[in-house]
């Protein structure tokens, strides 16, 4: 069971359970505090007698009955009230009655004018929109004629000489020949350069004063395996020019190596060399200073032991 209570602050009607009678509570809308009463309060109705609006007497059937001859005549006929304009709620309009209706001739005349305006709109030719790019071109003839005239006009305005069909074919053949010569020239140039480099390499390997060089590399008595040893010739100050380049070899699993001047030619040139050792990634390895130089001679056995 619930109690109806009207909040005095915001006039909200609340429904409260009977169990909460006498307890403090809050309005959920305005959060004002109050004590729950024991009985329901009477809620003020939405409309009171003061708020009601009476209907004007002049438009009610009662007023109509008062205006009729009911009071002056002893005989009362209800059909007089029902048949009257006031009882049915109809209002006379003098403006509607006074307004003159158009005649048939006027309606026909207005219809003919509408038909004439419609026919004039149909017969009027549509306006042609001229492209500003083609404003200087004649528009007579077909579209193909207009395109031809536009092309001829462009050719006349340009400085490029006009060529016939045979001249255009000859020009295209010359351009193709020039492209072929340029491409062929690039290929020939690359071939000649490759041959020259190959020939220079062969001459350098044959003309170099090479001798066989062998040796062994160990670290703490254990052979170095897979490392690269390189002999780089050193140009002596005031001495003759060197005729060759460096030699290298891969140290085998027993620590021994045999220098190669090229993949097909073994040996190293006769000169003093700087020795370096690189790992499989090409990184130089530190070696003692007394092992960094070795001299390759022609009349002796060139076998070098590197014990690090």
C-alpha atoms as a PDB file:
ATOM      1  CA  UNK A   1       0.000   0.000   0.000  1.00  0.00           C
ATOM      2  CA  UNK A   2       1.291   3.474  -0.897  1.00  0.00           C
ATOM      3  CA  UNK A   3       0.738   7.044   0.259  1.00  0.00           C
ATOM      4  CA  UNK A   4       0.393   9.938  -2.196  1.00  0.00           C
ATOM      5  CA  UNK A   5       2.391  13.012  -1.133  1.00  0.00           C
ATOM      6  CA  UNK A   6       2.849  16.344  -2.947  1.00  0.00           C
ATOM      7  CA  UNK A   7       6.265  17.974  -2.556  1.00  0.00           C
ATOM      8  CA  UNK A   8       5.798  21.563  -1.240  1.00  0.00           C
ATOM      9  CA  UNK A   9       8.882  22.777  -3.163  1.00  0.00           C
ATOM     10  CA  UNK A  10       8.361  21.470  -6.706  1.00  0.00           C
ATOM     11  CA  UNK A  11       4.725  20.187  -6.472  1.00  0.00           C
ATOM     12  CA  UNK A  12       5.774  16.727  -7.625  1.00  0.00           C
ATOM     13  CA  UNK A  13       3.336  13.961  -6.626  1.00  0.00           C
ATOM     14  CA  UNK A  14       5.243  11.094  -4.948  1.00  0.00           C
ATOM     15  CA  UNK A  15       4.117   7.556  -4.161  1.00  0.00           C
ATOM     16  CA  UNK A  16       5.625   6.361  -0.864  1.00  0.00           C
ATOM     17  CA  UNK A  17       5.264   2.963   0.842  1.00  0.00           C
ATOM     18  CA  UNK A  18       3.335   2.809   4.132  1.00  0.00           C
ATOM     19  CA  UNK A  19       6.356   1.253   5.888  1.00  0.00           C
ATOM     20  CA  UNK A  20       8.226   4.611   5.565  1.00  0.00           C
ATOM     21  CA  UNK A  21       5.613   6.665   7.511  1.00  0.00           C
ATOM     22  CA  UNK A  22       7.264   9.087   9.934  1.00  0.00           C
ATOM     23  CA  UNK A  23      10.732   8.694   8.415  1.00  0.00           C
ATOM     24  CA  UNK A  24      12.725  11.519   6.810  1.00  0.00           C
ATOM     25  CA  UNK A  25      12.887  11.406   3.009  1.00  0.00           C
ATOM     26  CA  UNK A  26      14.064  13.466   0.012  1.00  0.00           C
ATOM     27  CA  UNK A  27      12.244  14.511  -3.133  1.00  0.00           C
ATOM     28  CA  UNK A  28      14.009  12.821  -6.093  1.00  0.00           C
ATOM     29  CA  UNK A  29      13.377  15.861  -8.280  1.00  0.00           C
ATOM     30  CA  UNK A  30      14.323  18.896  -6.176  1.00  0.00           C
ATOM     31  CA  UNK A  31      16.174  16.988  -3.360  1.00  0.00           C
ATOM     32  CA  UNK A  32      14.219  18.849  -0.641  1.00  0.00           C
ATOM     33  CA  UNK A  33      13.890  17.025   2.702  1.00  0.00           C
ATOM     34  CA  UNK A  34      10.513  16.187   4.350  1.00  0.00           C
ATOM     35  CA  UNK A  35       8.926  13.735   6.773  1.00  0.00           C
ATOM     36  CA  UNK A  36       6.602  11.083   5.348  1.00  0.00           C
ATOM     37  CA  UNK A  37       3.039  11.815   6.632  1.00  0.00           C
ATOM     38  CA  UNK A  38       0.753   9.129   8.050  1.00  0.00           C
ATOM     39  CA  UNK A  39      -2.026   9.686   5.532  1.00  0.00           C
ATOM     40  CA  UNK A  40      -2.160  10.662   1.880  1.00  0.00           C
ATOM     41  CA  UNK A  41      -2.406  14.327   1.025  1.00  0.00           C
ATOM     42  CA  UNK A  42      -5.103  15.512  -1.304  1.00  0.00           C
ATOM     43  CA  UNK A  43      -3.499  16.416  -4.583  1.00  0.00           C
ATOM     44  CA  UNK A  44      -4.666  19.663  -6.094  1.00  0.00           C
ATOM     45  CA  UNK A  45      -6.506  18.972  -9.395  1.00  0.00           C
ATOM     46  CA  UNK A  46      -5.150  20.333 -12.612  1.00  0.00           C
ATOM     47  CA  UNK A  47      -8.287  22.481 -13.196  1.00  0.00           C
ATOM     48  CA  UNK A  48     -10.491  24.084 -10.629  1.00  0.00           C
ATOM     49  CA  UNK A  49     -13.854  25.711 -10.932  1.00  0.00           C
ATOM     50  CA  UNK A  50     -12.153  29.104 -11.241  1.00  0.00           C
ATOM     51  CA  UNK A  51     -10.136  27.884 -14.213  1.00  0.00           C
ATOM     52  CA  UNK A  52     -13.200  26.791 -16.238  1.00  0.00           C
ATOM     53  CA  UNK A  53     -14.193  29.048 -19.090  1.00  0.00           C
ATOM     54  CA  UNK A  54     -17.867  29.492 -19.870  1.00  0.00           C
ATOM     55  CA  UNK A  55     -19.044  29.318 -23.465  1.00  0.00           C
ATOM     56  CA  UNK A  56     -20.423  32.602 -24.770  1.00  0.00           C
ATOM     57  CA  UNK A  57     -24.165  32.704 -24.528  1.00  0.00           C
ATOM     58  CA  UNK A  58     -24.597  34.075 -28.020  1.00  0.00           C
ATOM     59  CA  UNK A  59     -23.439  30.832 -29.632  1.00  0.00           C
ATOM     60  CA  UNK A  60     -25.300  28.380 -27.386  1.00  0.00           C
ATOM     61  CA  UNK A  61     -28.687  26.868 -28.182  1.00  0.00           C
ATOM     62  CA  UNK A  62     -29.956  28.346 -24.921  1.00  0.00           C
ATOM     63  CA  UNK A  63     -29.259  31.866 -26.138  1.00  0.00           C
ATOM     64  CA  UNK A  64     -30.870  31.064 -29.431  1.00  0.00           C
ATOM     65  CA  UNK A  65     -33.904  29.821 -27.608  1.00  0.00           C
ATOM     66  CA  UNK A  66     -33.964  33.025 -25.584  1.00  0.00           C
ATOM     67  CA  UNK A  67     -33.842  35.150 -28.745  1.00  0.00           C
ATOM     68  CA  UNK A  68     -36.704  33.316 -30.404  1.00  0.00           C
ATOM     69  CA  UNK A  69     -40.318  33.935 -29.821  1.00  0.00           C
ATOM     70  CA  UNK A  70     -40.533  31.302 -27.092  1.00  0.00           C
ATOM     71  CA  UNK A  71     -41.139  33.867 -24.361  1.00  0.00           C
ATOM     72  CA  UNK A  72     -43.635  35.909 -26.381  1.00  0.00           C
ATOM     73  CA  UNK A  73     -45.587  33.033 -27.745  1.00  0.00           C
ATOM     74  CA  UNK A  74     -47.365  30.473 -25.731  1.00  0.00           C
ATOM     75  CA  UNK A  75     -46.869  27.903 -28.478  1.00  0.00           C
ATOM     76  CA  UNK A  76     -43.322  26.455 -28.670  1.00  0.00           C
ATOM     77  CA  UNK A  77     -42.169  24.449 -31.687  1.00  0.00           C
ATOM     78  CA  UNK A  78     -38.711  22.744 -31.233  1.00  0.00           C
ATOM     79  CA  UNK A  79     -38.295  22.455 -35.001  1.00  0.00           C
ATOM     80  CA  UNK A  80     -37.969  26.241 -35.244  1.00  0.00           C
ATOM     81  CA  UNK A  81     -34.780  26.120 -33.172  1.00  0.00           C
ATOM     82  CA  UNK A  82     -33.334  23.100 -35.022  1.00  0.00           C
ATOM     83  CA  UNK A  83     -33.976  24.655 -38.427  1.00  0.00           C
ATOM     84  CA  UNK A  84     -32.548  28.044 -37.515  1.00  0.00           C
ATOM     85  CA  UNK A  85     -29.042  29.120 -38.623  1.00  0.00           C
ATOM     86  CA  UNK A  86     -28.002  29.939 -35.059  1.00  0.00           C
ATOM     87  CA  UNK A  87     -28.861  26.415 -33.807  1.00  0.00           C
ATOM     88  CA  UNK A  88     -26.782  24.723 -36.515  1.00  0.00           C
ATOM     89  CA  UNK A  89     -23.724  26.922 -35.771  1.00  0.00           C
ATOM     90  CA  UNK A  90     -23.587  28.398 -39.267  1.00  0.00           C
ATOM     91  CA  UNK A  91     -22.387  31.959 -39.698  1.00  0.00           C
ATOM     92  CA  UNK A  92     -23.520  34.107 -42.509  1.00  0.00           C
ATOM     93  CA  UNK A  93     -20.802  35.516 -44.707  1.00  0.00           C
ATOM     94  CA  UNK A  94     -21.700  38.614 -46.593  1.00  0.00           C
ATOM     95  CA  UNK A  95     -18.384  38.705 -48.455  1.00  0.00           C
ATOM     96  CA  UNK A  96     -18.971  35.260 -50.044  1.00  0.00           C
ATOM     97  CA  UNK A  97     -22.443  36.225 -51.161  1.00  0.00           C
ATOM     98  CA  UNK A  98     -21.388  39.601 -52.490  1.00  0.00           C
ATOM     99  CA  UNK A  99     -18.476  38.172 -54.528  1.00  0.00           C
ATOM    100  CA  UNK A 100     -19.516  37.813 -58.151  1.00  0.00           C
ATOM    101  CA  UNK A 101     -18.882  34.444 -59.838  1.00  0.00           C
ATOM    102  CA  UNK A 102     -17.096  34.495 -63.233  1.00  0.00           C
ATOM    103  CA  UNK A 103     -19.240  33.854 -66.248  1.00  0.00           C
ATOM    104  CA  UNK A 104     -18.726  31.042 -68.774  1.00  0.00           C
ATOM    105  CA  UNK A 105     -17.320  33.481 -71.337  1.00  0.00           C
ATOM    106  CA  UNK A 106     -14.693  34.720 -68.901  1.00  0.00           C
ATOM    107  CA  UNK A 107     -13.673  31.151 -68.033  1.00  0.00           C
ATOM    108  CA  UNK A 108     -13.318  30.283 -71.742  1.00  0.00           C
ATOM    109  CA  UNK A 109     -11.225  33.393 -72.355  1.00  0.00           C
ATOM    110  CA  UNK A 110      -8.867  32.530 -69.485  1.00  0.00           C
ATOM    111  CA  UNK A 111      -8.520  28.965 -70.816  1.00  0.00           C
ATOM    112  CA  UNK A 112      -7.652  30.211 -74.299  1.00  0.00           C
ATOM    113  CA  UNK A 113      -4.961  32.515 -72.891  1.00  0.00           C
ATOM    114  CA  UNK A 114      -3.364  29.599 -70.999  1.00  0.00           C
ATOM    115  CA  UNK A 115      -3.291  27.497 -74.184  1.00  0.00           C
ATOM    116  CA  UNK A 116      -1.708  30.347 -76.146  1.00  0.00           C
ATOM    117  CA  UNK A 117       1.069  30.826 -73.552  1.00  0.00           C
ATOM    118  CA  UNK A 118       1.795  27.094 -73.517  1.00  0.00           C
ATOM    119  CA  UNK A 119       1.983  26.930 -77.309  1.00  0.00           C
ATOM    120  CA  UNK A 120       4.332  29.927 -77.450  1.00  0.00           C
ATOM    121  CA  UNK A 121       6.729  28.242 -75.006  1.00  0.00           C
ATOM    122  CA  UNK A 122       6.762  25.078 -77.102  1.00  0.00           C
ATOM    123  CA  UNK A 123       7.377  26.859 -80.410  1.00  0.00           C
ATOM    124  CA  UNK A 124      10.239  29.012 -79.064  1.00  0.00           C
ATOM    125  CA  UNK A 125      13.607  27.457 -80.102  1.00  0.00           C
ATOM    126  CA  UNK A 126      16.005  26.631 -77.231  1.00  0.00           C
ATOM    127  CA  UNK A 127      19.008  28.828 -76.750  1.00  0.00           C
ATOM    128  CA  UNK A 128      22.250  27.286 -77.998  1.00  0.00           C
ATOM    129  CA  UNK A 129      25.180  27.275 -75.600  1.00  0.00           C
ATOM    130  CA  UNK A 130      28.404  28.017 -77.428  1.00  0.00           C
ATOM    131  CA  UNK A 131      31.628  26.516 -76.136  1.00  0.00           C
ATOM    132  CA  UNK A 132      34.127  29.369 -75.559  1.00  0.00           C
ATOM    133  CA  UNK A 133      36.909  27.141 -76.918  1.00  0.00           C
ATOM    134  CA  UNK A 134      35.079  26.808 -80.233  1.00  0.00           C
ATOM    135  CA  UNK A 135      33.777  30.372 -80.426  1.00  0.00           C
ATOM    136  CA  UNK A 136      36.147  31.220 -83.306  1.00  0.00           C
ATOM    137  CA  UNK A 137      35.189  28.174 -85.362  1.00  0.00           C
ATOM    138  CA  UNK A 138      32.403  28.066 -87.874  1.00  0.00           C
ATOM    139  CA  UNK A 139      29.464  25.968 -86.722  1.00  0.00           C
ATOM    140  CA  UNK A 140      27.924  25.156 -90.089  1.00  0.00           C
ATOM    141  CA  UNK A 141      28.054  21.595 -91.360  1.00  0.00           C
ATOM    142  CA  UNK A 142      28.524  18.385 -89.443  1.00  0.00           C
ATOM    143  CA  UNK A 143      30.605  17.784 -86.340  1.00  0.00           C
ATOM    144  CA  UNK A 144      33.302  16.120 -88.454  1.00  0.00           C
ATOM    145  CA  UNK A 145      33.585  19.285 -90.570  1.00  0.00           C
ATOM    146  CA  UNK A 146      33.959  21.399 -87.419  1.00  0.00           C
ATOM    147  CA  UNK A 147      36.723  19.128 -86.099  1.00  0.00           C
ATOM    148  CA  UNK A 148      38.512  19.250 -89.470  1.00  0.00           C
ATOM    149  CA  UNK A 149      38.348  23.050 -89.577  1.00  0.00           C
ATOM    150  CA  UNK A 150      39.649  23.240 -85.974  1.00  0.00           C
ATOM    151  CA  UNK A 151      42.597  20.948 -86.834  1.00  0.00           C
ATOM    152  CA  UNK A 152      43.441  22.943 -89.960  1.00  0.00           C
ATOM    153  CA  UNK A 153      43.285  26.200 -88.011  1.00  0.00           C
ATOM    154  CA  UNK A 154      45.706  24.830 -85.397  1.00  0.00           C
ATOM    155  CA  UNK A 155      48.098  23.697 -88.127  1.00  0.00           C
ATOM    156  CA  UNK A 156      48.000  27.126 -89.744  1.00  0.00           C
ATOM    157  CA  UNK A 157      48.714  28.861 -86.437  1.00  0.00           C
ATOM    158  CA  UNK A 158      51.639  26.575 -85.504  1.00  0.00           C
ATOM    159  CA  UNK A 159      55.229  27.086 -86.685  1.00  0.00           C
ATOM    160  CA  UNK A 160      55.841  23.382 -87.412  1.00  0.00           C
ATOM    161  CA  UNK A 161      56.142  22.691 -91.132  1.00  0.00           C
ATOM    162  CA  UNK A 162      53.331  20.682 -92.636  1.00  0.00           C
ATOM    163  CA  UNK A 163      54.486  17.251 -93.879  1.00  0.00           C
ATOM    164  CA  UNK A 164      52.726  14.887 -96.204  1.00  0.00           C
ATOM    165  CA  UNK A 165      52.402  11.154 -95.614  1.00  0.00           C
ATOM    166  CA  UNK A 166      55.688  10.153 -97.267  1.00  0.00           C
ATOM    167  CA  UNK A 167      57.622  12.824 -95.394  1.00  0.00           C
ATOM    168  CA  UNK A 168      56.142  11.679 -92.080  1.00  0.00           C
ATOM    169  CA  UNK A 169      57.124   8.072 -92.809  1.00  0.00           C
ATOM    170  CA  UNK A 170      60.695   9.107 -93.684  1.00  0.00           C
ATOM    171  CA  UNK A 171      60.975  11.140 -90.474  1.00  0.00           C
ATOM    172  CA  UNK A 172      59.730   8.193 -88.408  1.00  0.00           C
ATOM    173  CA  UNK A 173      62.289   5.874 -90.098  1.00  0.00           C
ATOM    174  CA  UNK A 174      65.134   8.304 -89.330  1.00  0.00           C
ATOM    175  CA  UNK A 175      64.072   8.549 -85.687  1.00  0.00           C
ATOM    176  CA  UNK A 176      63.970   4.740 -85.398  1.00  0.00           C
ATOM    177  CA  UNK A 177      67.446   4.439 -86.947  1.00  0.00           C
ATOM    178  CA  UNK A 178      68.876   7.006 -84.536  1.00  0.00           C
ATOM    179  CA  UNK A 179      67.389   5.124 -81.560  1.00  0.00           C
ATOM    180  CA  UNK A 180      68.857   1.847 -82.818  1.00  0.00           C
ATOM    181  CA  UNK A 181      72.311   3.391 -83.285  1.00  0.00           C
ATOM    182  CA  UNK A 182      72.241   4.855 -79.782  1.00  0.00           C
ATOM    183  CA  UNK A 183      71.255   1.542 -78.234  1.00  0.00           C
ATOM    184  CA  UNK A 184      73.839  -0.357 -80.287  1.00  0.00           C
ATOM    185  CA  UNK A 185      76.498   2.198 -79.379  1.00  0.00           C
ATOM    186  CA  UNK A 186      75.839   1.627 -75.679  1.00  0.00           C
ATOM    187  CA  UNK A 187      76.191  -2.141 -76.068  1.00  0.00           C
ATOM    188  CA  UNK A 188      79.398  -1.786 -78.124  1.00  0.00           C
ATOM    189  CA  UNK A 189      80.889   0.608 -75.588  1.00  0.00           C
ATOM    190  CA  UNK A 190      80.199  -1.774 -72.712  1.00  0.00           C
ATOM    191  CA  UNK A 191      81.703  -4.699 -74.681  1.00  0.00           C
ATOM    192  CA  UNK A 192      84.882  -2.765 -75.514  1.00  0.00           C
ATOM    193  CA  UNK A 193      85.348  -1.668 -71.915  1.00  0.00           C
ATOM    194  CA  UNK A 194      84.935  -5.208 -70.637  1.00  0.00           C
ATOM    195  CA  UNK A 195      87.454  -6.526 -73.188  1.00  0.00           C
ATOM    196  CA  UNK A 196      89.945  -3.828 -72.277  1.00  0.00           C
ATOM    197  CA  UNK A 197      89.726  -4.591 -68.578  1.00  0.00           C
ATOM    198  CA  UNK A 198      90.069  -8.310 -69.212  1.00  0.00           C
ATOM    199  CA  UNK A 199      93.090  -7.773 -71.465  1.00  0.00           C
ATOM    200  CA  UNK A 200      94.715  -5.479 -68.896  1.00  0.00           C
ATOM    201  CA  UNK A 201      94.183  -8.056 -66.173  1.00  0.00           C
ATOM    202  CA  UNK A 202      95.753 -10.823 -68.252  1.00  0.00           C
ATOM    203  CA  UNK A 203      98.743  -8.651 -69.128  1.00  0.00           C
ATOM    204  CA  UNK A 204      99.258  -7.621 -65.525  1.00  0.00           C
ATOM    205  CA  UNK A 205      99.264 -11.252 -64.356  1.00  0.00           C
ATOM    206  CA  UNK A 206     101.647 -12.344 -67.071  1.00  0.00           C
ATOM    207  CA  UNK A 207     103.997  -9.347 -66.847  1.00  0.00           C
ATOM    208  CA  UNK A 208     104.253  -9.382 -63.033  1.00  0.00           C
ATOM    209  CA  UNK A 209     107.382 -10.884 -61.458  1.00  0.00           C
ATOM    210  CA  UNK A 210     105.612 -13.599 -59.429  1.00  0.00           C
ATOM    211  CA  UNK A 211     107.084 -16.202 -57.081  1.00  0.00           C
ATOM    212  CA  UNK A 212     105.388 -18.908 -55.055  1.00  0.00           C
ATOM    213  CA  UNK A 213     104.608 -18.001 -51.444  1.00  0.00           C
ATOM    214  CA  UNK A 214     103.431 -20.491 -48.795  1.00  0.00           C
ATOM    215  CA  UNK A 215     103.165 -20.514 -45.032  1.00  0.00           C
ATOM    216  CA  UNK A 216     101.328 -21.533 -41.877  1.00  0.00           C
ATOM    217  CA  UNK A 217      99.346 -19.563 -39.292  1.00  0.00           C
ATOM    218  CA  UNK A 218      98.717 -20.778 -35.729  1.00  0.00           C
ATOM    219  CA  UNK A 219      97.401 -19.202 -32.527  1.00  0.00           C
ATOM    220  CA  UNK A 220      98.732 -20.786 -29.341  1.00  0.00           C
ATOM    221  CA  UNK A 221      99.783 -23.813 -31.346  1.00  0.00           C
ATOM    222  CA  UNK A 222      96.284 -24.271 -32.857  1.00  0.00           C
ATOM    223  CA  UNK A 223      95.861 -23.659 -36.611  1.00  0.00           C
ATOM    224  CA  UNK A 224      93.602 -20.761 -37.760  1.00  0.00           C
ATOM    225  CA  UNK A 225      90.905 -22.149 -40.016  1.00  0.00           C
ATOM    226  CA  UNK A 226      88.817 -20.171 -42.518  1.00  0.00           C
ATOM    227  CA  UNK A 227      90.614 -16.821 -42.116  1.00  0.00           C
ATOM    228  CA  UNK A 228      91.927 -14.810 -45.078  1.00  0.00           C
ATOM    229  CA  UNK A 229      95.592 -13.766 -45.190  1.00  0.00           C
ATOM    230  CA  UNK A 230      96.540 -10.958 -47.514  1.00  0.00           C
ATOM    231  CA  UNK A 231      99.958  -9.746 -48.786  1.00  0.00           C
ATOM    232  CA  UNK A 232      99.867  -6.119 -49.992  1.00  0.00           C
ATOM    233  CA  UNK A 233     103.031  -4.888 -51.776  1.00  0.00           C
ATOM    234  CA  UNK A 234     104.629  -1.695 -50.440  1.00  0.00           C
ATOM    235  CA  UNK A 235     106.133   0.841 -52.818  1.00  0.00           C
ATOM    236  CA  UNK A 236     109.681   1.653 -51.695  1.00  0.00           C
ATOM    237  CA  UNK A 237     110.659   5.318 -51.665  1.00  0.00           C
ATOM    238  CA  UNK A 238     112.884   5.990 -54.647  1.00  0.00           C
ATOM    239  CA  UNK A 239     112.547   2.405 -55.883  1.00  0.00           C
ATOM    240  CA  UNK A 240     111.149   1.114 -59.156  1.00  0.00           C
ATOM    241  CA  UNK A 241     107.388   1.129 -59.753  1.00  0.00           C
ATOM    242  CA  UNK A 242     105.564  -2.004 -58.713  1.00  0.00           C
ATOM    243  CA  UNK A 243     104.239  -4.163 -61.516  1.00  0.00           C
ATOM    244  CA  UNK A 244     101.372  -5.939 -59.800  1.00  0.00           C
ATOM    245  CA  UNK A 245      98.906  -5.927 -56.968  1.00  0.00           C
ATOM    246  CA  UNK A 246      98.185  -7.805 -53.748  1.00  0.00           C
ATOM    247  CA  UNK A 247      97.898 -11.577 -53.286  1.00  0.00           C
ATOM    248  CA  UNK A 248      95.675 -13.483 -50.852  1.00  0.00           C
ATOM    249  CA  UNK A 249      94.783 -16.978 -49.697  1.00  0.00           C
ATOM    250  CA  UNK A 250      92.299 -18.735 -47.400  1.00  0.00           C
ATOM    251  CA  UNK A 251      93.919 -20.509 -44.462  1.00  0.00           C
ATOM    252  CA  UNK A 252      93.041 -24.204 -44.507  1.00  0.00           C
ATOM    253  CA  UNK A 253      92.067 -26.354 -41.544  1.00  0.00           C
ATOM    254  CA  UNK A 254      95.692 -27.304 -40.855  1.00  0.00           C
ATOM    255  CA  UNK A 255      96.709 -23.621 -40.812  1.00  0.00           C
ATOM    256  CA  UNK A 256      98.619 -23.712 -44.117  1.00  0.00           C
ATOM    257  CA  UNK A 257      98.074 -21.300 -47.028  1.00  0.00           C
ATOM    258  CA  UNK A 258      99.311 -20.716 -50.593  1.00  0.00           C
ATOM    259  CA  UNK A 259      99.009 -17.199 -52.001  1.00  0.00           C
ATOM    260  CA  UNK A 260      97.032 -16.597 -55.198  1.00  0.00           C
ATOM    261  CA  UNK A 261      97.698 -13.529 -57.362  1.00  0.00           C
ATOM    262  CA  UNK A 262      94.425 -14.219 -59.213  1.00  0.00           C
ATOM    263  CA  UNK A 263      91.907 -17.051 -59.223  1.00  0.00           C
ATOM    264  CA  UNK A 264      93.972 -18.829 -61.897  1.00  0.00           C
ATOM    265  CA  UNK A 265      97.511 -17.558 -61.150  1.00  0.00           C
ATOM    266  CA  UNK A 266      99.453 -18.467 -57.971  1.00  0.00           C
ATOM    267  CA  UNK A 267     102.184 -16.447 -56.278  1.00  0.00           C
ATOM    268  CA  UNK A 268     103.029 -12.900 -55.228  1.00  0.00           C
ATOM    269  CA  UNK A 269     105.209 -10.170 -56.712  1.00  0.00           C
ATOM    270  CA  UNK A 270     108.801  -9.725 -55.528  1.00  0.00           C
ATOM    271  CA  UNK A 271     108.654  -6.866 -53.026  1.00  0.00           C
ATOM    272  CA  UNK A 272     108.139  -6.088 -49.389  1.00  0.00           C
ATOM    273  CA  UNK A 273     104.549  -6.757 -48.322  1.00  0.00           C
ATOM    274  CA  UNK A 274     102.233  -5.666 -45.556  1.00  0.00           C
ATOM    275  CA  UNK A 275     100.503  -8.686 -43.999  1.00  0.00           C
ATOM    276  CA  UNK A 276      96.880  -8.584 -42.754  1.00  0.00           C
ATOM    277  CA  UNK A 277      94.439 -11.252 -41.602  1.00  0.00           C
ATOM    278  CA  UNK A 278      90.644 -10.937 -41.958  1.00  0.00           C
ATOM    279  CA  UNK A 279      87.817 -13.075 -40.634  1.00  0.00           C
ATOM    280  CA  UNK A 280      84.980 -14.533 -42.710  1.00  0.00           C
ATOM    281  CA  UNK A 281      83.100 -11.218 -42.501  1.00  0.00           C
ATOM    282  CA  UNK A 282      86.043  -9.187 -43.849  1.00  0.00           C
ATOM    283  CA  UNK A 283      86.937  -7.610 -40.500  1.00  0.00           C
ATOM    284  CA  UNK A 284      90.708  -7.187 -39.892  1.00  0.00           C
ATOM    285  CA  UNK A 285      92.174  -9.111 -36.979  1.00  0.00           C
ATOM    286  CA  UNK A 286      94.845  -7.648 -34.670  1.00  0.00           C
ATOM    287  CA  UNK A 287      98.297  -9.269 -35.071  1.00  0.00           C
ATOM    288  CA  UNK A 288     101.641  -8.532 -33.389  1.00  0.00           C
ATOM    289  CA  UNK A 289     103.726  -5.818 -35.047  1.00  0.00           C
ATOM    290  CA  UNK A 290     106.633  -8.151 -35.838  1.00  0.00           C
ATOM    291  CA  UNK A 291     104.351 -10.179 -38.125  1.00  0.00           C
ATOM    292  CA  UNK A 292     102.908  -7.224 -40.073  1.00  0.00           C
ATOM    293  CA  UNK A 293     105.714  -7.140 -42.747  1.00  0.00           C
ATOM    294  CA  UNK A 294     107.325  -9.823 -44.857  1.00  0.00           C
ATOM    295  CA  UNK A 295     109.676  -9.551 -47.834  1.00  0.00           C
ATOM    296  CA  UNK A 296     109.140 -11.800 -50.853  1.00  0.00           C
ATOM    297  CA  UNK A 297     112.407 -12.608 -52.665  1.00  0.00           C
ATOM    298  CA  UNK A 298     113.080 -14.271 -55.961  1.00  0.00           C
ATOM    299  CA  UNK A 299     116.110 -16.467 -55.270  1.00  0.00           C
ATOM    300  CA  UNK A 300     115.019 -17.995 -51.936  1.00  0.00           C
ATOM    301  CA  UNK A 301     112.121 -20.137 -50.708  1.00  0.00           C
ATOM    302  CA  UNK A 302     109.282 -17.880 -49.577  1.00  0.00           C
ATOM    303  CA  UNK A 303     107.728 -19.882 -46.722  1.00  0.00           C
ATOM    304  CA  UNK A 304     106.491 -17.883 -43.731  1.00  0.00           C
ATOM    305  CA  UNK A 305     105.444 -19.162 -40.310  1.00  0.00           C
ATOM    306  CA  UNK A 306     103.091 -17.017 -38.209  1.00  0.00           C
ATOM    307  CA  UNK A 307     102.931 -18.272 -34.612  1.00  0.00           C
ATOM    308  CA  UNK A 308     100.717 -15.889 -32.611  1.00  0.00           C
END
